[in-house]
Amino acid sequence: SASFASPNVAYSGNAVVSQAITISGLTLSGTSAGNYTLVQPSATGTINPLTITIAASSNGKAYDGNATAPVSLTTSNAIALADIASNALTVSYGSSNFSSVNVLLSNGTPVAQAITVSGITLSGTAAKNYAFNTSAGTSGIITPATLTVTASNDSKVYGDTSTAGGVTYIAGVATGSVGYTVSGLIGSDAITAVTLTSAGGSAAATVGTASIVPSAAQGVGDNYSIAYNNGSLTTTKAVLTITAAASNKSYDASTSYDTSSNALSTYINLAIAGIKNAETISATATSAAFASANVGNAIPVSISGITLSGTTASNYLFNT
């Protein structure tokens, strides 16, 4: 038999050197063998590092705003794998980066991009037994991160197209930087605009609540998978101001107008301010009474029971 002093590569500094080899079990044979004394020889020899290839693989990651790539390192060499399994060998790397920080799409589907691994090192009691590559390449997929855009609940007055939240609708559609909230943005990424669509955004939208539907977020490219949540837009009644002009009458011992032959509207003229959308709205009163039945000038007249008529009258508040 012949055995090296150690199964490991021997070094002097960083240089590989030879080590002793112990040889035993040598015998002589032949008719004259008994005439000799055999001295077991000694020798030296060099164990050179075993060259192995370190390969990288990656399961990819979700977009996170940087190029760092998660990778796993391994080798196909059975001897090295045994050392790894026994914790005599550990494979590490210094850096691993995608070629881009962004999601790469092909026909709308995320696809793999190159990953460069550098600074590969071996450590452990068996580390010096191997020669290896210090860099490797592989590929992996960056998938879009999840982003949520939620339309903010808002309100506006009937007949208007601008809301309390500062959103201005044109034909029920608004595109801008207000009227929504965003969750899930990474780093300095920003949504620059979102399209908001609501039937309630029209000037003609009647009093009530309508959905606000967000869509078409701008500014983040392909790095996010965007989920949209609706909000609600409440249209409140517009306020009308109704003023009256009262006619004079002759003394008749009553504080009321004589409506036996003429309608009250003959004597009371009601003017309406604040009508929206050039709508046709009219007002009538059911009673009018002078503060005194006696003759006098500029006697106050109390008018009550004012009602509105018109197809859109229900969209207004007014003094009665």
Protein backbone atom coordinates (compact mmCIF):
# COMPACT_ATOMS: atom_id res chain seq x y z
CA SER A 1 0.00 0.00 0.00
CA ALA A 2 0.98 3.61 -0.43
CA SER A 3 -0.67 6.48 1.43
CA PHE A 4 -0.23 10.23 1.43
CA ALA A 5 0.31 11.78 4.81
CA SER A 6 -3.00 13.70 4.32
CA PRO A 7 -5.92 13.34 1.97
CA ASN A 8 -5.88 17.13 1.49
CA VAL A 9 -3.86 19.33 -0.81
CA ALA A 10 -0.71 20.53 0.99
CA TYR A 11 0.29 24.18 0.83
CA SER A 12 3.22 26.33 1.71
CA GLY A 13 1.72 29.76 1.77
CA ASN A 14 -0.41 29.82 -1.36
CA ALA A 15 1.76 27.30 -3.22
CA VAL A 16 0.86 23.64 -3.54
CA VAL A 17 3.72 21.45 -2.25
CA SER A 18 4.48 17.76 -2.06
CA GLN A 19 3.88 15.66 1.00
CA ALA A 20 5.20 12.34 2.29
CA ILE A 21 3.94 9.07 0.93
CA THR A 22 4.17 6.04 3.19
CA ILE A 23 4.75 2.78 1.34
CA SER A 24 4.28 -0.52 3.13
CA GLY A 25 3.79 -4.21 2.44
CA LEU A 26 6.58 -4.57 -0.12
CA THR A 27 7.89 -8.16 -0.44
CA LEU A 28 10.58 -9.96 -2.40
CA SER A 29 10.02 -13.13 -4.33
CA GLY A 30 12.22 -15.45 -6.29
CA THR A 31 14.78 -18.23 -5.57
CA SER A 32 17.32 -15.75 -4.27
CA ALA A 33 14.88 -13.61 -2.22
CA GLY A 34 16.25 -15.00 1.02
CA ASN A 35 19.62 -13.47 0.26
CA TYR A 36 18.33 -9.95 0.66
CA THR A 37 17.02 -7.68 3.39
CA LEU A 38 14.23 -5.42 2.13
CA VAL A 39 14.09 -1.86 3.42
CA GLN A 40 10.66 -0.28 2.97
CA PRO A 41 11.11 2.83 0.75
CA SER A 42 9.78 6.35 1.34
CA ALA A 43 8.56 8.87 -1.23
CA THR A 44 6.87 12.22 -1.69
CA GLY A 45 4.10 13.30 -4.00
CA THR A 46 1.74 16.14 -4.71
CA ILE A 47 -2.04 16.18 -4.42
CA ASN A 48 -3.26 18.87 -6.77
CA PRO A 49 -6.56 20.74 -6.25
CA LEU A 50 -9.54 19.16 -7.97
CA THR A 51 -11.06 21.52 -10.52
CA ILE A 52 -14.81 21.85 -10.10
CA THR A 53 -17.42 24.06 -11.76
CA ILE A 54 -19.70 26.12 -9.57
CA ALA A 55 -23.06 26.68 -11.26
CA ALA A 56 -25.76 29.19 -10.30
CA SER A 57 -29.53 28.96 -10.54
CA SER A 58 -32.33 31.35 -9.59
CA ASN A 59 -36.05 31.16 -8.92
CA GLY A 60 -36.35 34.88 -9.67
CA LYS A 61 -38.13 37.42 -7.49
CA ALA A 62 -40.89 40.00 -7.42
CA TYR A 63 -39.92 43.50 -8.49
CA ASP A 64 -38.35 45.36 -5.56
CA GLY A 65 -36.64 48.32 -7.21
CA ASN A 66 -33.10 46.92 -7.21
CA ALA A 67 -31.05 44.53 -9.35
CA THR A 68 -30.06 42.10 -6.59
CA ALA A 69 -30.81 38.53 -7.65
CA PRO A 70 -31.37 35.62 -5.27
CA VAL A 71 -29.35 32.61 -6.44
CA SER A 72 -28.33 29.14 -5.32
CA LEU A 73 -24.85 27.77 -6.00
CA THR A 74 -23.97 24.11 -6.47
CA THR A 75 -21.66 21.75 -8.34
CA SER A 76 -22.14 18.43 -10.10
CA ASN A 77 -18.90 16.95 -8.72
CA ALA A 78 -19.69 14.04 -6.40
CA ILE A 79 -16.61 14.54 -4.18
CA ALA A 80 -17.40 18.20 -3.63
CA LEU A 81 -21.06 17.40 -3.01
CA ALA A 82 -20.01 14.94 -0.30
CA ASP A 83 -17.89 17.63 1.35
CA ILE A 84 -20.82 20.04 1.16
CA ALA A 85 -23.12 17.46 2.71
CA SER A 86 -20.68 16.91 5.60
CA ASN A 87 -20.29 20.67 6.14
CA ALA A 88 -16.62 20.47 5.22
CA LEU A 89 -17.29 22.76 2.24
CA THR A 90 -19.45 25.86 1.90
CA VAL A 91 -20.01 27.78 -1.35
CA SER A 92 -20.70 31.53 -1.13
CA TYR A 93 -20.84 34.52 -3.43
CA GLY A 94 -20.16 38.24 -3.14
CA SER A 95 -22.82 39.69 -5.43
CA SER A 96 -25.54 38.58 -7.79
CA ASN A 97 -27.37 40.98 -10.04
CA PHE A 98 -30.00 40.99 -12.77
CA SER A 99 -29.09 42.85 -15.94
CA SER A 100 -31.95 45.28 -15.16
CA VAL A 101 -33.95 46.32 -12.11
CA ASN A 102 -37.13 46.24 -14.18
CA VAL A 103 -39.57 43.53 -15.23
CA LEU A 104 -38.79 42.26 -18.72
CA LEU A 105 -41.86 41.41 -20.80
CA SER A 106 -42.35 39.52 -24.01
CA ASN A 107 -45.85 39.76 -25.44
CA GLY A 108 -47.09 40.85 -22.04
CA THR A 109 -45.50 37.95 -20.14
CA PRO A 110 -42.50 38.30 -17.79
CA VAL A 111 -39.46 36.50 -19.20
CA ALA A 112 -36.00 35.64 -17.90
CA GLN A 113 -33.11 38.05 -18.01
CA ALA A 114 -29.39 37.50 -17.42
CA ILE A 115 -27.97 37.23 -13.89
CA THR A 116 -24.26 37.71 -13.18
CA VAL A 117 -22.81 36.12 -10.04
CA SER A 118 -19.37 37.26 -8.88
CA GLY A 119 -17.07 36.86 -5.90
CA ILE A 120 -17.67 33.12 -5.56
CA THR A 121 -15.66 31.64 -2.66
CA LEU A 122 -15.24 28.31 -0.94
CA SER A 123 -14.81 27.93 2.81
CA GLY A 124 -14.49 25.05 5.23
CA THR A 125 -11.87 22.48 6.02
CA ALA A 126 -11.99 21.06 2.49
CA ALA A 127 -11.98 24.41 0.67
CA LYS A 128 -8.31 24.32 -0.38
CA ASN A 129 -8.76 20.99 -2.08
CA TYR A 130 -10.56 22.60 -4.99
CA ALA A 131 -9.91 24.94 -7.87
CA PHE A 132 -13.07 26.67 -9.01
CA ASN A 133 -14.60 29.50 -11.02
CA THR A 134 -15.14 32.76 -9.14
CA SER A 135 -18.00 33.97 -11.32
CA ALA A 136 -21.02 32.37 -12.93
CA GLY A 137 -23.99 33.29 -15.03
CA THR A 138 -27.61 32.24 -15.02
CA SER A 139 -31.01 33.79 -15.67
CA GLY A 140 -34.16 34.50 -13.73
CA ILE A 141 -37.50 36.25 -13.95
CA ILE A 142 -38.49 39.47 -12.18
CA THR A 143 -42.26 39.35 -11.76
CA PRO A 144 -44.41 42.46 -11.25
CA ALA A 145 -45.02 43.62 -7.69
CA THR A 146 -48.61 44.08 -6.53
CA LEU A 147 -49.95 47.64 -6.47
CA THR A 148 -53.40 48.76 -5.37
CA VAL A 149 -55.09 51.95 -6.57
CA THR A 150 -58.25 52.93 -4.69
CA ALA A 151 -60.56 55.71 -5.79
CA SER A 152 -61.27 58.09 -2.91
CA ASN A 153 -64.86 58.62 -1.88
CA ASP A 154 -65.88 62.11 -2.96
CA SER A 155 -68.82 64.47 -3.25
CA LYS A 156 -70.05 67.28 -5.43
CA VAL A 157 -73.03 69.58 -5.77
CA TYR A 158 -75.69 68.89 -8.40
CA GLY A 159 -74.90 70.71 -11.62
CA ASP A 160 -71.16 70.89 -10.96
CA THR A 161 -68.37 68.84 -12.52
CA SER A 162 -65.72 69.60 -9.87
CA THR A 163 -65.72 67.71 -6.59
CA ALA A 164 -64.87 68.54 -3.00
CA GLY A 165 -61.72 66.45 -3.47
CA GLY A 166 -60.45 68.61 -6.32
CA VAL A 167 -61.33 66.28 -9.19
CA THR A 168 -62.79 67.86 -12.32
CA TYR A 169 -64.76 65.57 -14.62
CA ILE A 170 -65.26 66.07 -18.32
CA ALA A 171 -68.14 63.98 -19.65
CA GLY A 172 -67.83 61.82 -16.56
CA VAL A 173 -64.09 61.17 -16.94
CA ALA A 174 -61.15 62.71 -15.09
CA THR A 175 -57.42 62.00 -15.47
CA GLY A 176 -55.05 63.50 -12.93
CA SER A 177 -53.00 63.16 -9.77
CA VAL A 178 -55.80 63.53 -7.18
CA GLY A 179 -58.85 61.55 -6.20
CA TYR A 180 -57.21 58.24 -5.35
CA THR A 181 -54.80 56.53 -2.96
CA VAL A 182 -52.02 54.09 -3.78
CA SER A 183 -50.49 51.28 -1.73
CA GLY A 184 -47.58 49.06 -2.67
CA LEU A 185 -45.23 51.54 -4.35
CA ILE A 186 -41.54 50.76 -3.89
CA GLY A 187 -38.78 53.28 -3.25
CA SER A 188 -39.18 56.47 -5.25
CA ASP A 189 -41.65 54.97 -7.75
CA ALA A 190 -44.73 57.11 -8.24
CA ILE A 191 -48.10 57.05 -9.96
CA THR A 192 -48.32 60.20 -12.05
CA ALA A 193 -51.97 59.98 -13.08
CA VAL A 194 -55.04 57.76 -12.86
CA THR A 195 -58.21 57.86 -14.96
CA LEU A 196 -61.39 58.12 -12.89
CA THR A 197 -64.73 57.39 -14.52
CA SER A 198 -68.08 58.10 -12.85
CA ALA A 199 -71.59 58.65 -14.09
CA GLY A 200 -71.88 60.99 -11.13
CA GLY A 201 -69.22 63.27 -12.60
CA SER A 202 -71.62 64.71 -15.17
CA ALA A 203 -73.22 68.06 -14.45
CA ALA A 204 -76.58 66.43 -15.18
CA ALA A 205 -76.02 63.56 -12.71
CA THR A 206 -78.96 63.55 -10.31
CA VAL A 207 -78.70 63.59 -6.53
CA GLY A 208 -77.49 60.24 -5.21
CA THR A 209 -74.40 58.03 -5.22
CA ALA A 210 -72.48 56.64 -8.18
CA SER A 211 -69.36 54.50 -8.41
CA ILE A 212 -65.96 55.98 -9.18
CA VAL A 213 -64.01 53.48 -11.30
CA PRO A 214 -60.21 53.97 -11.41
CA SER A 215 -58.12 52.67 -14.31
CA ALA A 216 -55.08 53.30 -16.52
CA ALA A 217 -52.57 54.24 -13.84
CA GLN A 218 -49.54 55.96 -15.36
CA GLY A 219 -45.90 56.22 -14.32
CA VAL A 220 -44.87 52.72 -13.18
CA GLY A 221 -44.45 50.89 -16.48
CA ASP A 222 -44.52 47.10 -16.39
CA ASN A 223 -43.10 46.72 -12.87
CA TYR A 224 -46.47 46.39 -11.14
CA SER A 225 -49.58 44.29 -11.38
CA ILE A 226 -52.24 46.85 -10.54
CA ALA A 227 -55.48 46.10 -8.72
CA TYR A 228 -58.18 48.77 -8.75
CA ASN A 229 -60.80 49.44 -6.07
CA ASN A 230 -63.85 51.59 -6.76
CA GLY A 231 -64.88 54.58 -4.71
CA SER A 232 -68.19 56.42 -4.54
CA LEU A 233 -69.23 59.89 -5.68
CA THR A 234 -72.15 61.47 -3.84
CA THR A 235 -74.07 64.24 -5.56
CA THR A 236 -75.81 66.57 -3.11
CA LYS A 237 -78.61 68.99 -3.79
CA ALA A 238 -77.85 72.42 -5.18
CA VAL A 239 -79.15 75.38 -3.17
CA LEU A 240 -81.59 77.81 -4.75
CA THR A 241 -82.40 81.23 -3.38
CA ILE A 242 -85.99 82.29 -3.95
CA THR A 243 -86.92 85.94 -3.54
CA ALA A 244 -90.37 87.51 -3.82
CA ALA A 245 -91.90 90.76 -5.00
CA ALA A 246 -95.41 91.44 -3.66
CA SER A 247 -98.04 93.57 -5.38
CA ASN A 248 -99.97 96.35 -3.66
CA LYS A 249 -103.66 95.97 -2.93
CA SER A 250 -106.59 98.10 -1.81
CA TYR A 251 -107.72 98.03 1.78
CA ASP A 252 -110.19 95.19 2.38
CA ALA A 253 -109.83 94.66 6.15
CA SER A 254 -107.83 91.45 5.43
CA THR A 255 -104.12 90.66 5.51
CA SER A 256 -104.56 88.26 2.58
CA TYR A 257 -104.90 88.81 -1.11
CA ASP A 258 -108.27 88.19 -2.74
CA THR A 259 -107.76 84.89 -4.58
CA SER A 260 -111.43 84.37 -5.38
CA SER A 261 -110.97 85.56 -8.92
CA ASN A 262 -107.16 85.62 -9.38
CA ALA A 263 -104.48 83.12 -8.43
CA LEU A 264 -101.99 84.08 -5.74
CA SER A 265 -99.29 84.14 -8.38
CA THR A 266 -101.04 87.17 -9.84
CA TYR A 267 -99.94 89.13 -6.80
CA ILE A 268 -96.65 87.45 -5.87
CA ASN A 269 -93.69 87.22 -8.24
CA LEU A 270 -91.09 84.61 -7.19
CA ALA A 271 -87.56 84.86 -8.63
CA ILE A 272 -85.14 81.91 -8.48
CA ALA A 273 -81.34 82.22 -8.34
CA GLY A 274 -78.92 79.29 -8.65
CA ILE A 275 -80.60 77.12 -11.29
CA LYS A 276 -78.11 74.69 -12.88
CA ASN A 277 -77.68 73.53 -16.46
CA ALA A 278 -80.07 76.20 -17.82
CA GLU A 279 -82.97 74.08 -16.56
CA THR A 280 -86.58 75.20 -16.49
CA ILE A 281 -87.66 75.45 -12.87
CA SER A 282 -90.61 77.41 -11.52
CA ALA A 283 -91.73 78.27 -7.99
CA THR A 284 -95.20 78.86 -6.53
CA ALA A 285 -96.41 79.83 -3.08
CA THR A 286 -99.58 78.74 -1.28
CA SER A 287 -100.01 81.73 1.02
CA ALA A 288 -99.05 85.36 1.42
CA ALA A 289 -100.05 87.63 4.31
CA PHE A 290 -99.45 91.30 5.08
CA ALA A 291 -98.13 92.03 8.54
CA SER A 292 -101.11 94.41 9.00
CA ALA A 293 -104.55 94.74 7.39
CA ASN A 294 -104.40 98.54 7.71
CA VAL A 295 -103.39 101.02 5.08
CA GLY A 296 -99.64 101.65 5.03
CA ASN A 297 -96.52 101.76 2.94
CA ALA A 298 -93.91 99.00 2.64
CA ILE A 299 -95.83 96.64 4.87
CA PRO A 300 -93.94 93.32 5.19
CA VAL A 301 -95.57 90.40 3.40
CA SER A 302 -94.92 86.86 4.70
CA ILE A 303 -94.89 84.28 1.91
CA SER A 304 -94.92 80.55 2.66
CA GLY A 305 -95.67 77.16 1.18
CA ILE A 306 -93.20 77.67 -1.66
CA THR A 307 -92.80 74.63 -3.91
CA LEU A 308 -90.80 73.94 -7.03
CA SER A 309 -91.91 72.35 -10.27
CA GLY A 310 -89.86 71.02 -13.16
CA THR A 311 -88.41 67.65 -14.13
CA THR A 312 -85.21 68.23 -12.14
CA ALA A 313 -86.77 70.07 -9.17
CA SER A 314 -85.88 67.23 -6.76
CA ASN A 315 -82.19 68.07 -7.16
CA TYR A 316 -82.51 71.38 -5.32
CA LEU A 317 -82.78 72.72 -1.79
CA PHE A 318 -84.63 76.01 -1.40
CA ASN A 319 -86.30 78.29 1.07
CA THR A 320 -90.00 77.58 1.51
